[in-house]
Amino acid sequence: MKLNNSDMRRLMRQMGLGAQEVIDTEEVIIRTHDKVITIISPQVVKLTIQGQTLYQVIGGTEKSSEQKPTAKKEESFAVSDEDVSFVATQANVPLEVARSALAETKGDIAKAIMKLRST
């Protein structure tokens, strides 16, 4: 049995499959913990299979390089005014000093109070 293009598309739709070429792809970069793989001018096809998306990368020129470990980014956190007020009251210090202590202890209220009481 030979399938023509429209029959194949209909069958793929019935099975929950969809394919679409990602046009004009310049490069695909894959980063691991110790290297970077760059694929230049690949053919990329986006496949949708039962709600899941899959990207197929075909061909192209591959460049690989070592990646230097980078320092982890500092996690940012917001110090609430309520926490600042609580620390200031407990340590009997101005709000600005309490906010600074909370920033230094990365939001740890107990450590901030202990630090302020010990100075």
PDB file of N, CA and C in Angstrom:
ATOM      1  N   MET A   1       0.844  -1.174   0.000  1.00  0.00           N
ATOM      2  CA  MET A   1       0.000   0.000   0.000  1.00  0.00           C
ATOM      3  C   MET A   1       0.890   1.239   0.000  1.00  0.00           C
ATOM      4  N   LYS A   2       0.671   2.108  -0.948  1.00  0.00           N
ATOM      5  CA  LYS A   2       1.465   3.315  -1.078  1.00  0.00           C
ATOM      6  C   LYS A   2       0.625   4.509  -0.638  1.00  0.00           C
ATOM      7  N   LEU A   3       1.217   5.365   0.232  1.00  0.00           N
ATOM      8  CA  LEU A   3       0.509   6.546   0.721  1.00  0.00           C
ATOM      9  C   LEU A   3       1.007   7.781  -0.007  1.00  0.00           C
ATOM     10  N   ASN A   4       0.065   8.616  -0.430  1.00  0.00           N
ATOM     11  CA  ASN A   4       0.494   9.892  -0.993  1.00  0.00           C
ATOM     12  C   ASN A   4       0.620  10.902   0.142  1.00  0.00           C
ATOM     13  N   ASN A   5       1.075  12.094  -0.175  1.00  0.00           N
ATOM     14  CA  ASN A   5       1.370  13.115   0.833  1.00  0.00           C
ATOM     15  C   ASN A   5       0.139  13.486   1.663  1.00  0.00           C
ATOM     16  N   SER A   6      -1.000  13.694   1.038  1.00  0.00           N
ATOM     17  CA  SER A   6      -2.207  14.084   1.789  1.00  0.00           C
ATOM     18  C   SER A   6      -2.694  12.953   2.687  1.00  0.00           C
ATOM     19  N   ASP A   7      -2.582  11.700   2.217  1.00  0.00           N
ATOM     20  CA  ASP A   7      -2.962  10.562   3.063  1.00  0.00           C
ATOM     21  C   ASP A   7      -2.053  10.470   4.286  1.00  0.00           C
ATOM     22  N   MET A   8      -0.774  10.735   4.075  1.00  0.00           N
ATOM     23  CA  MET A   8       0.193  10.688   5.176  1.00  0.00           C
ATOM     24  C   MET A   8      -0.124  11.764   6.208  1.00  0.00           C
ATOM     25  N   ARG A   9      -0.434  12.988   5.755  1.00  0.00           N
ATOM     26  CA  ARG A   9      -0.784  14.069   6.689  1.00  0.00           C
ATOM     27  C   ARG A   9      -2.043  13.733   7.480  1.00  0.00           C
ATOM     28  N   ARG A  10      -3.050  13.190   6.789  1.00  0.00           N
ATOM     29  CA  ARG A  10      -4.299  12.820   7.459  1.00  0.00           C
ATOM     30  C   ARG A  10      -4.035  11.743   8.513  1.00  0.00           C
ATOM     31  N   LEU A  11      -3.245  10.762   8.179  1.00  0.00           N
ATOM     32  CA  LEU A  11      -2.909   9.691   9.111  1.00  0.00           C
ATOM     33  C   LEU A  11      -2.142  10.233  10.313  1.00  0.00           C
ATOM     34  N   MET A  12      -1.217  11.167  10.077  1.00  0.00           N
ATOM     35  CA  MET A  12      -0.458  11.771  11.178  1.00  0.00           C
ATOM     36  C   MET A  12      -1.381  12.550  12.104  1.00  0.00           C
ATOM     37  N   ARG A  13      -2.339  13.300  11.526  1.00  0.00           N
ATOM     38  CA  ARG A  13      -3.296  14.048  12.355  1.00  0.00           C
ATOM     39  C   ARG A  13      -4.128  13.105  13.209  1.00  0.00           C
ATOM     40  N   GLN A  14      -4.574  12.000  12.639  1.00  0.00           N
ATOM     41  CA  GLN A  14      -5.381  11.030  13.379  1.00  0.00           C
ATOM     42  C   GLN A  14      -4.596  10.431  14.544  1.00  0.00           C
ATOM     43  N   MET A  15      -3.305  10.283  14.367  1.00  0.00           N
ATOM     44  CA  MET A  15      -2.460   9.704  15.415  1.00  0.00           C
ATOM     45  C   MET A  15      -1.972  10.762  16.401  1.00  0.00           C
ATOM     46  N   GLY A  16      -2.336  12.023  16.188  1.00  0.00           N
ATOM     47  CA  GLY A  16      -1.906  13.089  17.087  1.00  0.00           C
ATOM     48  C   GLY A  16      -0.504  13.576  16.799  1.00  0.00           C
ATOM     49  N   LEU A  17      -0.043  13.378  15.569  1.00  0.00           N
ATOM     50  CA  LEU A  17       1.304  13.797  15.180  1.00  0.00           C
ATOM     51  C   LEU A  17       1.227  15.041  14.308  1.00  0.00           C
ATOM     52  N   GLY A  18       2.162  15.956  14.516  1.00  0.00           N
ATOM     53  CA  GLY A  18       2.246  17.141  13.674  1.00  0.00           C
ATOM     54  C   GLY A  18       3.705  17.481  13.465  1.00  0.00           C
ATOM     55  N   ALA A  19       4.054  17.903  12.264  1.00  0.00           N
ATOM     56  CA  ALA A  19       5.443  18.262  11.972  1.00  0.00           C
ATOM     57  C   ALA A  19       5.459  19.601  11.256  1.00  0.00           C
ATOM     58  N   GLN A  20       6.400  20.447  11.666  1.00  0.00           N
ATOM     59  CA  GLN A  20       6.524  21.769  11.055  1.00  0.00           C
ATOM     60  C   GLN A  20       8.001  22.135  11.037  1.00  0.00           C
ATOM     61  N   GLU A  21       8.508  22.516   9.865  1.00  0.00           N
ATOM     62  CA  GLU A  21       9.914  22.906   9.770  1.00  0.00           C
ATOM     63  C   GLU A  21      10.096  24.303  10.347  1.00  0.00           C
ATOM     64  N   VAL A  22      11.151  24.473  11.145  1.00  0.00           N
ATOM     65  CA  VAL A  22      11.505  25.785  11.682  1.00  0.00           C
ATOM     66  C   VAL A  22      12.402  26.429  10.632  1.00  0.00           C
ATOM     67  N   ILE A  23      11.845  27.403   9.927  1.00  0.00           N
ATOM     68  CA  ILE A  23      12.508  27.979   8.754  1.00  0.00           C
ATOM     69  C   ILE A  23      13.589  28.983   9.162  1.00  0.00           C
ATOM     70  N   ASP A  24      14.651  29.045   8.366  1.00  0.00           N
ATOM     71  CA  ASP A  24      15.756  30.001   8.532  1.00  0.00           C
ATOM     72  C   ASP A  24      16.483  29.861   9.867  1.00  0.00           C
ATOM     73  N   THR A  25      16.666  28.644  10.331  1.00  0.00           N
ATOM     74  CA  THR A  25      17.411  28.425  11.570  1.00  0.00           C
ATOM     75  C   THR A  25      18.885  28.698  11.309  1.00  0.00           C
ATOM     76  N   GLU A  26      19.465  29.579  12.106  1.00  0.00           N
ATOM     77  CA  GLU A  26      20.872  29.932  11.932  1.00  0.00           C
ATOM     78  C   GLU A  26      21.786  29.020  12.736  1.00  0.00           C
ATOM     79  N   GLU A  27      21.407  28.744  13.989  1.00  0.00           N
ATOM     80  CA  GLU A  27      22.230  27.860  14.807  1.00  0.00           C
ATOM     81  C   GLU A  27      21.406  27.293  15.953  1.00  0.00           C
ATOM     82  N   VAL A  28      21.859  26.159  16.450  1.00  0.00           N
ATOM     83  CA  VAL A  28      21.282  25.537  17.637  1.00  0.00           C
ATOM     84  C   VAL A  28      22.424  25.372  18.626  1.00  0.00           C
ATOM     85  N   ILE A  29      22.204  25.822  19.862  1.00  0.00           N
ATOM     86  CA  ILE A  29      23.244  25.745  20.889  1.00  0.00           C
ATOM     87  C   ILE A  29      22.774  24.796  21.982  1.00  0.00           C
ATOM     88  N   ILE A  30      23.621  23.825  22.292  1.00  0.00           N
ATOM     89  CA  ILE A  30      23.348  22.873  23.367  1.00  0.00           C
ATOM     90  C   ILE A  30      24.414  23.088  24.425  1.00  0.00           C
ATOM     91  N   ARG A  31      23.989  23.408  25.644  1.00  0.00           N
ATOM     92  CA  ARG A  31      24.936  23.649  26.741  1.00  0.00           C
ATOM     93  C   ARG A  31      24.826  22.520  27.761  1.00  0.00           C
ATOM     94  N   THR A  32      25.973  21.959  28.102  1.00  0.00           N
ATOM     95  CA  THR A  32      26.031  21.002  29.199  1.00  0.00           C
ATOM     96  C   THR A  32      26.844  21.657  30.309  1.00  0.00           C
ATOM     97  N   HIS A  33      27.057  20.953  31.396  1.00  0.00           N
ATOM     98  CA  HIS A  33      27.799  21.560  32.501  1.00  0.00           C
ATOM     99  C   HIS A  33      29.261  21.811  32.164  1.00  0.00           C
ATOM    100  N   ASP A  34      29.793  21.122  31.151  1.00  0.00           N
ATOM    101  CA  ASP A  34      31.213  21.312  30.863  1.00  0.00           C
ATOM    102  C   ASP A  34      31.550  21.652  29.410  1.00  0.00           C
ATOM    103  N   LYS A  35      30.551  21.719  28.515  1.00  0.00           N
ATOM    104  CA  LYS A  35      30.866  22.086  27.137  1.00  0.00           C
ATOM    105  C   LYS A  35      29.661  22.715  26.448  1.00  0.00           C
ATOM    106  N   VAL A  36      29.947  23.344  25.313  1.00  0.00           N
ATOM    107  CA  VAL A  36      28.920  23.978  24.488  1.00  0.00           C
ATOM    108  C   VAL A  36      29.036  23.388  23.086  1.00  0.00           C
ATOM    109  N   ILE A  37      27.931  22.896  22.554  1.00  0.00           N
ATOM    110  CA  ILE A  37      27.901  22.363  21.196  1.00  0.00           C
ATOM    111  C   ILE A  37      27.058  23.325  20.362  1.00  0.00           C
ATOM    112  N   THR A  38      27.645  23.843  19.290  1.00  0.00           N
ATOM    113  CA  THR A  38      26.940  24.766  18.408  1.00  0.00           C
ATOM    114  C   THR A  38      26.785  24.101  17.049  1.00  0.00           C
ATOM    115  N   ILE A  39      25.560  24.003  16.572  1.00  0.00           N
ATOM    116  CA  ILE A  39      25.286  23.426  15.260  1.00  0.00           C
ATOM    117  C   ILE A  39      24.851  24.575  14.360  1.00  0.00           C
ATOM    118  N   ILE A  40      25.653  24.832  13.331  1.00  0.00           N
ATOM    119  CA  ILE A  40      25.430  25.977  12.452  1.00  0.00           C
ATOM    120  C   ILE A  40      24.666  25.530  11.204  1.00  0.00           C
ATOM    121  N   SER A  41      23.660  26.293  10.835  1.00  0.00           N
ATOM    122  CA  SER A  41      22.802  26.048   9.663  1.00  0.00           C
ATOM    123  C   SER A  41      22.164  24.660   9.667  1.00  0.00           C
ATOM    124  N   PRO A  42      21.530  24.266  10.760  1.00  0.00           N
ATOM    125  CA  PRO A  42      20.879  22.961  10.766  1.00  0.00           C
ATOM    126  C   PRO A  42      19.475  23.039  10.167  1.00  0.00           C
ATOM    127  N   GLN A  43      18.935  21.886   9.873  1.00  0.00           N
ATOM    128  CA  GLN A  43      17.522  21.794   9.521  1.00  0.00           C
ATOM    129  C   GLN A  43      16.823  21.392  10.817  1.00  0.00           C
ATOM    130  N   VAL A  44      15.825  22.153  11.232  1.00  0.00           N
ATOM    131  CA  VAL A  44      15.128  21.878  12.486  1.00  0.00           C
ATOM    132  C   VAL A  44      13.660  21.619  12.179  1.00  0.00           C
ATOM    133  N   VAL A  45      13.144  20.525  12.732  1.00  0.00           N
ATOM    134  CA  VAL A  45      11.741  20.173  12.564  1.00  0.00           C
ATOM    135  C   VAL A  45      11.104  20.106  13.943  1.00  0.00           C
ATOM    136  N   LYS A  46       9.981  20.792  14.083  1.00  0.00           N
ATOM    137  CA  LYS A  46       9.225  20.778  15.340  1.00  0.00           C
ATOM    138  C   LYS A  46       8.138  19.720  15.197  1.00  0.00           C
ATOM    139  N   LEU A  47       8.186  18.724  16.068  1.00  0.00           N
ATOM    140  CA  LEU A  47       7.209  17.647  16.044  1.00  0.00           C
ATOM    141  C   LEU A  47       6.291  17.775  17.250  1.00  0.00           C
ATOM    142  N   THR A  48       5.006  17.591  17.023  1.00  0.00           N
ATOM    143  CA  THR A  48       4.052  17.576  18.122  1.00  0.00           C
ATOM    144  C   THR A  48       3.447  16.186  18.147  1.00  0.00           C
ATOM    145  N   ILE A  49       3.660  15.499  19.264  1.00  0.00           N
ATOM    146  CA  ILE A  49       3.180  14.130  19.399  1.00  0.00           C
ATOM    147  C   ILE A  49       2.340  14.043  20.657  1.00  0.00           C
ATOM    148  N   GLN A  50       1.047  13.896  20.482  1.00  0.00           N
ATOM    149  CA  GLN A  50       0.088  13.793  21.582  1.00  0.00           C
ATOM    150  C   GLN A  50       0.313  14.871  22.640  1.00  0.00           C
ATOM    151  N   GLY A  51       0.434  16.120  22.197  1.00  0.00           N
ATOM    152  CA  GLY A  51       0.571  17.239  23.121  1.00  0.00           C
ATOM    153  C   GLY A  51       1.995  17.544  23.557  1.00  0.00           C
ATOM    154  N   GLN A  52       2.928  16.672  23.287  1.00  0.00           N
ATOM    155  CA  GLN A  52       4.331  16.895  23.637  1.00  0.00           C
ATOM    156  C   GLN A  52       5.046  17.511  22.435  1.00  0.00           C
ATOM    157  N   THR A  53       5.962  18.446  22.694  1.00  0.00           N
ATOM    158  CA  THR A  53       6.720  19.075  21.615  1.00  0.00           C
ATOM    159  C   THR A  53       8.137  18.520  21.608  1.00  0.00           C
ATOM    160  N   LEU A  54       8.596  18.187  20.417  1.00  0.00           N
ATOM    161  CA  LEU A  54       9.913  17.590  20.236  1.00  0.00           C
ATOM    162  C   LEU A  54      10.596  18.328  19.090  1.00  0.00           C
ATOM    163  N   TYR A  55      11.864  18.659  19.247  1.00  0.00           N
ATOM    164  CA  TYR A  55      12.607  19.324  18.181  1.00  0.00           C
ATOM    165  C   TYR A  55      13.655  18.359  17.649  1.00  0.00           C
ATOM    166  N   GLN A  56      13.672  18.178  16.332  1.00  0.00           N
ATOM    167  CA  GLN A  56      14.651  17.320  15.689  1.00  0.00           C
ATOM    168  C   GLN A  56      15.638  18.216  14.952  1.00  0.00           C
ATOM    169  N   VAL A  57      16.925  18.068  15.260  1.00  0.00           N
ATOM    170  CA  VAL A  57      17.980  18.877  14.650  1.00  0.00           C
ATOM    171  C   VAL A  57      18.764  17.973  13.711  1.00  0.00           C
ATOM    172  N   ILE A  58      18.852  18.391  12.443  1.00  0.00           N
ATOM    173  CA  ILE A  58      19.486  17.553  11.435  1.00  0.00           C
ATOM    174  C   ILE A  58      20.623  18.319  10.770  1.00  0.00           C
ATOM    175  N   GLY A  59      21.786  17.671  10.701  1.00  0.00           N
ATOM    176  CA  GLY A  59      22.902  18.194   9.929  1.00  0.00           C
ATOM    177  C   GLY A  59      23.488  19.488  10.433  1.00  0.00           C
ATOM    178  N   GLY A  60      24.120  20.199   9.521  1.00  0.00           N
ATOM    179  CA  GLY A  60      24.784  21.439   9.883  1.00  0.00           C
ATOM    180  C   GLY A  60      26.217  21.172  10.305  1.00  0.00           C
ATOM    181  N   THR A  61      26.959  22.233  10.494  1.00  0.00           N
ATOM    182  CA  THR A  61      28.341  22.153  10.939  1.00  0.00           C
ATOM    183  C   THR A  61      28.363  22.222  12.454  1.00  0.00           C
ATOM    184  N   GLU A  62      29.105  21.326  13.060  1.00  0.00           N
ATOM    185  CA  GLU A  62      29.142  21.269  14.525  1.00  0.00           C
ATOM    186  C   GLU A  62      30.445  21.842  15.054  1.00  0.00           C
ATOM    187  N   LYS A  63      30.317  22.718  16.058  1.00  0.00           N
ATOM    188  CA  LYS A  63      31.481  23.228  16.782  1.00  0.00           C
ATOM    189  C   LYS A  63      31.274  22.864  18.240  1.00  0.00           C
ATOM    190  N   SER A  64      32.332  22.419  18.875  1.00  0.00           N
ATOM    191  CA  SER A  64      32.247  22.063  20.284  1.00  0.00           C
ATOM    192  C   SER A  64      33.339  22.801  21.036  1.00  0.00           C
ATOM    193  N   SER A  65      33.016  23.285  22.225  1.00  0.00           N
ATOM    194  CA  SER A  65      34.021  23.979  23.019  1.00  0.00           C
ATOM    195  C   SER A  65      33.797  23.685  24.492  1.00  0.00           C
ATOM    196  N   GLU A  66      34.888  23.774  25.236  1.00  0.00           N
ATOM    197  CA  GLU A  66      34.810  23.582  26.681  1.00  0.00           C
ATOM    198  C   GLU A  66      34.133  24.789  27.299  1.00  0.00           C
ATOM    199  N   GLN A  67      33.373  24.558  28.315  1.00  0.00           N
ATOM    200  CA  GLN A  67      32.711  25.657  29.012  1.00  0.00           C
ATOM    201  C   GLN A  67      33.304  25.773  30.399  1.00  0.00           C
ATOM    202  N   LYS A  68      33.724  26.979  30.733  1.00  0.00           N
ATOM    203  CA  LYS A  68      34.273  27.214  32.059  1.00  0.00           C
ATOM    204  C   LYS A  68      33.131  27.263  33.060  1.00  0.00           C
ATOM    205  N   PRO A  69      33.341  26.665  34.220  1.00  0.00           N
ATOM    206  CA  PRO A  69      32.294  26.754  35.235  1.00  0.00           C
ATOM    207  C   PRO A  69      32.078  28.210  35.626  1.00  0.00           C
ATOM    208  N   THR A  70      30.843  28.594  35.723  1.00  0.00           N
ATOM    209  CA  THR A  70      30.529  29.962  36.120  1.00  0.00           C
ATOM    210  C   THR A  70      30.010  29.963  37.544  1.00  0.00           C
ATOM    211  N   ALA A  71      30.237  31.062  38.203  1.00  0.00           N
ATOM    212  CA  ALA A  71      29.741  31.189  39.571  1.00  0.00           C
ATOM    213  C   ALA A  71      28.225  31.215  39.535  1.00  0.00           C
ATOM    214  N   LYS A  72      27.634  30.561  40.492  1.00  0.00           N
ATOM    215  CA  LYS A  72      26.180  30.558  40.561  1.00  0.00           C
ATOM    216  C   LYS A  72      25.690  31.957  40.873  1.00  0.00           C
ATOM    217  N   LYS A  73      24.608  32.314  40.229  1.00  0.00           N
ATOM    218  CA  LYS A  73      24.031  33.629  40.462  1.00  0.00           C
ATOM    219  C   LYS A  73      23.446  33.682  41.859  1.00  0.00           C
ATOM    220  N   GLU A  74      23.616  34.827  42.460  1.00  0.00           N
ATOM    221  CA  GLU A  74      23.013  35.038  43.768  1.00  0.00           C
ATOM    222  C   GLU A  74      21.505  35.026  43.616  1.00  0.00           C
ATOM    223  N   GLU A  75      20.860  34.284  44.482  1.00  0.00           N
ATOM    224  CA  GLU A  75      19.412  34.282  44.448  1.00  0.00           C
ATOM    225  C   GLU A  75      18.920  35.603  45.014  1.00  0.00           C
ATOM    226  N   SER A  76      18.041  36.211  44.277  1.00  0.00           N
ATOM    227  CA  SER A  76      17.511  37.469  44.767  1.00  0.00           C
ATOM    228  C   SER A  76      16.279  37.181  45.619  1.00  0.00           C
ATOM    229  N   PHE A  77      16.095  37.991  46.604  1.00  0.00           N
ATOM    230  CA  PHE A  77      14.937  37.832  47.465  1.00  0.00           C
ATOM    231  C   PHE A  77      14.474  39.211  47.872  1.00  0.00           C
ATOM    232  N   ALA A  78      13.248  39.284  48.221  1.00  0.00           N
ATOM    233  CA  ALA A  78      12.688  40.566  48.649  1.00  0.00           C
ATOM    234  C   ALA A  78      12.470  40.514  50.151  1.00  0.00           C
ATOM    235  N   VAL A  79      12.949  41.524  50.824  1.00  0.00           N
ATOM    236  CA  VAL A  79      12.750  41.628  52.265  1.00  0.00           C
ATOM    237  C   VAL A  79      11.462  42.413  52.471  1.00  0.00           C
ATOM    238  N   SER A  80      10.510  41.795  53.142  1.00  0.00           N
ATOM    239  CA  SER A  80       9.229  42.482  53.338  1.00  0.00           C
ATOM    240  C   SER A  80       9.350  43.543  54.432  1.00  0.00           C
ATOM    241  N   ASP A  81       8.520  44.559  54.307  1.00  0.00           N
ATOM    242  CA  ASP A  81       8.497  45.622  55.315  1.00  0.00           C
ATOM    243  C   ASP A  81       8.105  45.065  56.679  1.00  0.00           C
ATOM    244  N   GLU A  82       7.265  44.045  56.658  1.00  0.00           N
ATOM    245  CA  GLU A  82       6.838  43.409  57.909  1.00  0.00           C
ATOM    246  C   GLU A  82       8.034  42.765  58.615  1.00  0.00           C
ATOM    247  N   ASP A  83       8.886  42.061  57.847  1.00  0.00           N
ATOM    248  CA  ASP A  83      10.083  41.442  58.420  1.00  0.00           C
ATOM    249  C   ASP A  83      11.041  42.503  58.962  1.00  0.00           C
ATOM    250  N   VAL A  84      11.216  43.584  58.200  1.00  0.00           N
ATOM    251  CA  VAL A  84      12.104  44.669  58.628  1.00  0.00           C
ATOM    252  C   VAL A  84      11.604  45.259  59.939  1.00  0.00           C
ATOM    253  N   SER A  85      10.317  45.512  60.013  1.00  0.00           N
ATOM    254  CA  SER A  85       9.725  46.091  61.220  1.00  0.00           C
ATOM    255  C   SER A  85       9.891  45.152  62.415  1.00  0.00           C
ATOM    256  N   PHE A  86       9.666  43.863  62.178  1.00  0.00           N
ATOM    257  CA  PHE A  86       9.794  42.874  63.254  1.00  0.00           C
ATOM    258  C   PHE A  86      11.228  42.822  63.783  1.00  0.00           C
ATOM    259  N   VAL A  87      12.206  42.747  62.866  1.00  0.00           N
ATOM    260  CA  VAL A  87      13.617  42.687  63.267  1.00  0.00           C
ATOM    261  C   VAL A  87      14.016  43.970  63.988  1.00  0.00           C
ATOM    262  N   ALA A  88      13.579  45.117  63.480  1.00  0.00           N
ATOM    263  CA  ALA A  88      13.910  46.402  64.110  1.00  0.00           C
ATOM    264  C   ALA A  88      13.359  46.468  65.530  1.00  0.00           C
ATOM    265  N   THR A  89      12.135  45.998  65.718  1.00  0.00           N
ATOM    266  CA  THR A  89      11.516  46.005  67.047  1.00  0.00           C
ATOM    267  C   THR A  89      12.246  45.064  67.995  1.00  0.00           C
ATOM    268  N   GLN A  90      12.517  43.847  67.535  1.00  0.00           N
ATOM    269  CA  GLN A  90      13.155  42.843  68.386  1.00  0.00           C
ATOM    270  C   GLN A  90      14.586  43.222  68.761  1.00  0.00           C
ATOM    271  N   ALA A  91      15.313  43.845  67.824  1.00  0.00           N
ATOM    272  CA  ALA A  91      16.716  44.194  68.076  1.00  0.00           C
ATOM    273  C   ALA A  91      16.876  45.630  68.555  1.00  0.00           C
ATOM    274  N   ASN A  92      15.775  46.362  68.586  1.00  0.00           N
ATOM    275  CA  ASN A  92      15.774  47.753  69.038  1.00  0.00           C
ATOM    276  C   ASN A  92      16.755  48.605  68.223  1.00  0.00           C
ATOM    277  N   VAL A  93      16.592  48.520  66.877  1.00  0.00           N
ATOM    278  CA  VAL A  93      17.443  49.281  65.960  1.00  0.00           C
ATOM    279  C   VAL A  93      16.557  49.997  64.939  1.00  0.00           C
ATOM    280  N   PRO A  94      17.102  50.997  64.229  1.00  0.00           N
ATOM    281  CA  PRO A  94      16.334  51.669  63.175  1.00  0.00           C
ATOM    282  C   PRO A  94      15.992  50.707  62.027  1.00  0.00           C
ATOM    283  N   LEU A  95      14.961  51.051  61.265  1.00  0.00           N
ATOM    284  CA  LEU A  95      14.508  50.206  60.154  1.00  0.00           C
ATOM    285  C   LEU A  95      15.610  49.963  59.122  1.00  0.00           C
ATOM    286  N   GLU A  96      16.414  50.981  58.810  1.00  0.00           N
ATOM    287  CA  GLU A  96      17.466  50.833  57.805  1.00  0.00           C
ATOM    288  C   GLU A  96      18.505  49.802  58.242  1.00  0.00           C
ATOM    289  N   VAL A  97      18.830  49.811  59.528  1.00  0.00           N
ATOM    290  CA  VAL A  97      19.809  48.853  60.067  1.00  0.00           C
ATOM    291  C   VAL A  97      19.227  47.442  60.002  1.00  0.00           C
ATOM    292  N   ALA A  98      17.953  47.309  60.332  1.00  0.00           N
ATOM    293  CA  ALA A  98      17.288  46.004  60.278  1.00  0.00           C
ATOM    294  C   ALA A  98      17.246  45.485  58.840  1.00  0.00           C
ATOM    295  N   ARG A  99      16.927  46.369  57.889  1.00  0.00           N
ATOM    296  CA  ARG A  99      16.875  45.963  56.474  1.00  0.00           C
ATOM    297  C   ARG A  99      18.253  45.493  56.006  1.00  0.00           C
ATOM    298  N   SER A 100      19.292  46.197  56.405  1.00  0.00           N
ATOM    299  CA  SER A 100      20.653  45.827  56.035  1.00  0.00           C
ATOM    300  C   SER A 100      21.030  44.460  56.615  1.00  0.00           C
ATOM    301  N   ALA A 101      20.666  44.234  57.869  1.00  0.00           N
ATOM    302  CA  ALA A 101      20.967  42.946  58.511  1.00  0.00           C
ATOM    303  C   ALA A 101      20.225  41.811  57.815  1.00  0.00           C
ATOM    304  N   LEU A 102      18.979  42.050  57.423  1.00  0.00           N
ATOM    305  CA  LEU A 102      18.222  41.023  56.701  1.00  0.00           C
ATOM    306  C   LEU A 102      18.850  40.736  55.339  1.00  0.00           C
ATOM    307  N   ALA A 103      19.348  41.758  54.684  1.00  0.00           N
ATOM    308  CA  ALA A 103      20.005  41.560  53.393  1.00  0.00           C
ATOM    309  C   ALA A 103      21.280  40.736  53.561  1.00  0.00           C
ATOM    310  N   GLU A 104      22.047  41.024  54.592  1.00  0.00           N
ATOM    311  CA  GLU A 104      23.290  40.292  54.851  1.00  0.00           C
ATOM    312  C   GLU A 104      23.031  38.835  55.196  1.00  0.00           C
ATOM    313  N   THR A 105      21.920  38.559  55.854  1.00  0.00           N
ATOM    314  CA  THR A 105      21.598  37.184  56.252  1.00  0.00           C
ATOM    315  C   THR A 105      20.659  36.514  55.259  1.00  0.00           C
ATOM    316  N   LYS A 106      20.487  37.135  54.088  1.00  0.00           N
ATOM    317  CA  LYS A 106      19.641  36.603  53.020  1.00  0.00           C
ATOM    318  C   LYS A 106      18.221  36.317  53.491  1.00  0.00           C
ATOM    319  N   GLY A 107      17.708  37.229  54.305  1.00  0.00           N
ATOM    320  CA  GLY A 107      16.320  37.145  54.736  1.00  0.00           C
ATOM    321  C   GLY A 107      16.071  36.290  55.962  1.00  0.00           C
ATOM    322  N   ASP A 108      17.127  35.754  56.566  1.00  0.00           N
ATOM    323  CA  ASP A 108      16.963  34.921  57.761  1.00  0.00           C
ATOM    324  C   ASP A 108      16.714  35.832  58.964  1.00  0.00           C
ATOM    325  N   ILE A 109      15.482  35.843  59.433  1.00  0.00           N
ATOM    326  CA  ILE A 109      15.072  36.754  60.506  1.00  0.00           C
ATOM    327  C   ILE A 109      15.830  36.470  61.800  1.00  0.00           C
ATOM    328  N   ALA A 110      15.912  35.205  62.174  1.00  0.00           N
ATOM    329  CA  ALA A 110      16.578  34.848  63.431  1.00  0.00           C
ATOM    330  C   ALA A 110      18.052  35.260  63.410  1.00  0.00           C
ATOM    331  N   LYS A 111      18.735  34.974  62.302  1.00  0.00           N
ATOM    332  CA  LYS A 111      20.149  35.352  62.200  1.00  0.00           C
ATOM    333  C   LYS A 111      20.318  36.862  62.247  1.00  0.00           C
ATOM    334  N   ALA A 112      19.411  37.585  61.600  1.00  0.00           N
ATOM    335  CA  ALA A 112      19.497  39.051  61.592  1.00  0.00           C
ATOM    336  C   ALA A 112      19.347  39.601  63.003  1.00  0.00           C
ATOM    337  N   ILE A 113      18.383  39.082  63.756  1.00  0.00           N
ATOM    338  CA  ILE A 113      18.168  39.550  65.135  1.00  0.00           C
ATOM    339  C   ILE A 113      19.379  39.217  65.993  1.00  0.00           C
ATOM    340  N   MET A 114      19.885  37.996  65.879  1.00  0.00           N
ATOM    341  CA  MET A 114      21.057  37.586  66.671  1.00  0.00           C
ATOM    342  C   MET A 114      22.264  38.456  66.326  1.00  0.00           C
ATOM    343  N   LYS A 115      22.454  38.737  65.057  1.00  0.00           N
ATOM    344  CA  LYS A 115      23.577  39.576  64.627  1.00  0.00           C
ATOM    345  C   LYS A 115      23.461  40.978  65.225  1.00  0.00           C
ATOM    346  N   LEU A 116      22.276  41.542  65.178  1.00  0.00           N
ATOM    347  CA  LEU A 116      22.079  42.901  65.684  1.00  0.00           C
ATOM    348  C   LEU A 116      22.179  42.967  67.204  1.00  0.00           C
ATOM    349  N   ARG A 117      21.742  41.933  67.880  1.00  0.00           N
ATOM    350  CA  ARG A 117      21.813  41.927  69.348  1.00  0.00           C
ATOM    351  C   ARG A 117      23.240  41.733  69.839  1.00  0.00           C
ATOM    352  N   SER A 118      24.070  41.076  69.020  1.00  0.00           N
ATOM    353  CA  SER A 118      25.444  40.805  69.456  1.00  0.00           C
ATOM    354  C   SER A 118      26.381  41.980  69.189  1.00  0.00           C
ATOM    355  N   THR A 119      25.912  43.004  68.486  1.00  0.00           N
ATOM    356  CA  THR A 119      26.789  44.153  68.213  1.00  0.00           C
ATOM    357  C   THR A 119      26.503  45.306  69.136  1.00  0.00           C
TER     358      THR A 119
END
